[in-house]
Amino acid sequence: MSKSIIASSVSVWIGDEGVLSLEEMALACGAEVDCIVELVELDVLAPQGADATAWRFAAADVQRARRLLRLMRDFETNLEAAAVILDLLEETERLRARLRRAGLAPD
């Protein structure tokens, strides 16, 4: 069964293997290919594959890249700063989840 990832008014289909090429990833994120390459170079994304022509991105990568690009836009910041913000947000979410599982999170 195929899944659809929607980027603004564009829809990108992820096949049964659940992966996107570099070009499909850029389209799904509404970004330029160079931007996705920079995200990989900054270790924001970690695609499978030896080089850009073989890279394959999972649906979770689309979500992470979109969130980072939204942070850049909302906070009018550069890629590096948005990556730090994203890492801090994700760490906060992980810690809150651990507190909830331990029954220590306030309601």
Protein backbone atom coordinates (compact mmCIF):
# COMPACT_ATOMS: atom_id res chain seq x y z
CA MET A 1 0.00 0.00 0.00
CA SER A 2 1.43 3.41 -0.96
CA LYS A 3 1.41 6.48 1.24
CA SER A 4 1.11 10.11 0.20
CA ILE A 5 3.21 12.92 1.63
CA ILE A 6 1.64 16.33 0.96
CA ALA A 7 3.75 19.46 0.57
CA SER A 8 1.54 22.51 0.13
CA SER A 9 -0.43 21.70 -3.02
CA VAL A 10 2.02 19.05 -4.24
CA SER A 11 1.64 15.38 -3.44
CA VAL A 12 4.58 12.97 -3.52
CA TRP A 13 3.94 9.25 -3.42
CA ILE A 14 6.11 7.05 -1.28
CA GLY A 15 6.10 3.53 -2.65
CA ASP A 16 5.84 0.32 -0.69
CA GLU A 17 9.48 0.57 0.31
CA GLY A 18 8.68 3.90 2.01
CA VAL A 19 11.58 5.91 0.63
CA LEU A 20 12.12 9.06 -1.42
CA SER A 21 14.97 10.03 -3.73
CA LEU A 22 16.77 13.34 -3.23
CA GLU A 23 14.59 15.07 -5.83
CA GLU A 24 11.39 13.64 -4.37
CA MET A 25 12.51 14.70 -0.90
CA ALA A 26 13.08 18.26 -2.06
CA LEU A 27 9.65 18.31 -3.71
CA ALA A 28 7.96 16.88 -0.61
CA CYS A 29 9.56 19.59 1.54
CA GLY A 30 8.97 22.43 -0.87
CA ALA A 31 12.71 23.06 -0.92
CA GLU A 32 15.54 23.13 -3.41
CA VAL A 33 17.73 20.05 -3.83
CA ASP A 34 20.72 22.10 -2.60
CA CYS A 35 18.89 22.77 0.66
CA ILE A 36 18.31 19.06 1.25
CA VAL A 37 21.98 18.36 0.46
CA GLU A 38 22.96 21.00 3.04
CA LEU A 39 20.68 19.35 5.63
CA VAL A 40 22.51 16.07 5.03
CA GLU A 41 25.91 17.78 5.22
CA LEU A 42 24.92 19.31 8.60
CA ASP A 43 23.79 15.86 9.84
CA VAL A 44 20.20 17.07 10.21
CA LEU A 45 19.14 14.26 7.88
CA ALA A 46 20.83 10.88 7.50
CA PRO A 47 19.62 9.21 4.30
CA GLN A 48 20.47 5.67 3.30
CA GLY A 49 22.88 5.41 0.37
CA ALA A 50 26.49 6.14 -0.43
CA ASP A 51 26.08 9.39 -2.38
CA ALA A 52 23.43 11.91 -3.41
CA THR A 53 22.37 9.87 -6.45
CA ALA A 54 21.70 6.85 -4.21
CA TRP A 55 20.24 8.66 -1.18
CA ARG A 56 16.88 7.42 0.05
CA PHE A 57 14.87 9.31 2.65
CA ALA A 58 12.17 7.92 4.95
CA ALA A 59 8.86 9.61 5.75
CA ALA A 60 10.28 10.67 9.15
CA ASP A 61 13.00 12.60 7.29
CA VAL A 62 10.31 14.57 5.44
CA GLN A 63 8.68 15.49 8.73
CA ARG A 64 12.00 16.55 10.30
CA ALA A 65 13.08 18.61 7.28
CA ARG A 66 9.71 20.36 7.05
CA ARG A 67 9.84 21.21 10.73
CA LEU A 68 13.34 22.65 10.37
CA LEU A 69 12.36 24.71 7.34
CA ARG A 70 9.32 26.01 9.22
CA LEU A 71 11.59 27.03 12.14
CA MET A 72 13.85 28.89 9.70
CA ARG A 73 10.88 30.74 8.29
CA ASP A 74 9.11 31.45 11.58
CA PHE A 75 12.20 32.63 13.43
CA GLU A 76 13.87 34.18 10.37
CA THR A 77 17.07 32.32 11.14
CA ASN A 78 19.74 30.47 9.22
CA LEU A 79 19.94 26.73 8.77
CA GLU A 80 22.51 26.12 11.49
CA ALA A 81 20.51 28.01 14.14
CA ALA A 82 17.29 26.26 13.11
CA ALA A 83 19.07 22.89 13.40
CA VAL A 84 20.09 23.70 16.98
CA ILE A 85 16.53 24.81 17.80
CA LEU A 86 15.16 21.59 16.29
CA ASP A 87 17.58 19.44 18.28
CA LEU A 88 16.58 21.22 21.50
CA LEU A 89 12.86 20.85 20.74
CA GLU A 90 13.26 17.14 19.99
CA GLU A 91 15.29 16.57 23.16
CA THR A 92 12.64 18.40 25.20
CA GLU A 93 9.94 16.20 23.64
CA ARG A 94 11.94 13.04 24.43
CA LEU A 95 12.45 14.11 28.06
CA ARG A 96 8.76 14.99 28.50
CA ALA A 97 7.80 11.60 27.08
CA ARG A 98 10.11 9.88 29.58
CA LEU A 99 8.55 11.86 32.43
CA ARG A 100 5.05 10.86 31.28
CA ARG A 101 6.05 7.19 31.07
CA ALA A 102 7.48 7.43 34.59
CA GLY A 103 4.28 9.04 35.83
CA LEU A 104 6.12 12.23 36.79
CA ALA A 105 4.72 14.66 34.23
CA PRO A 106 2.15 17.21 35.41
CA ASP A 107 -1.22 17.05 33.65
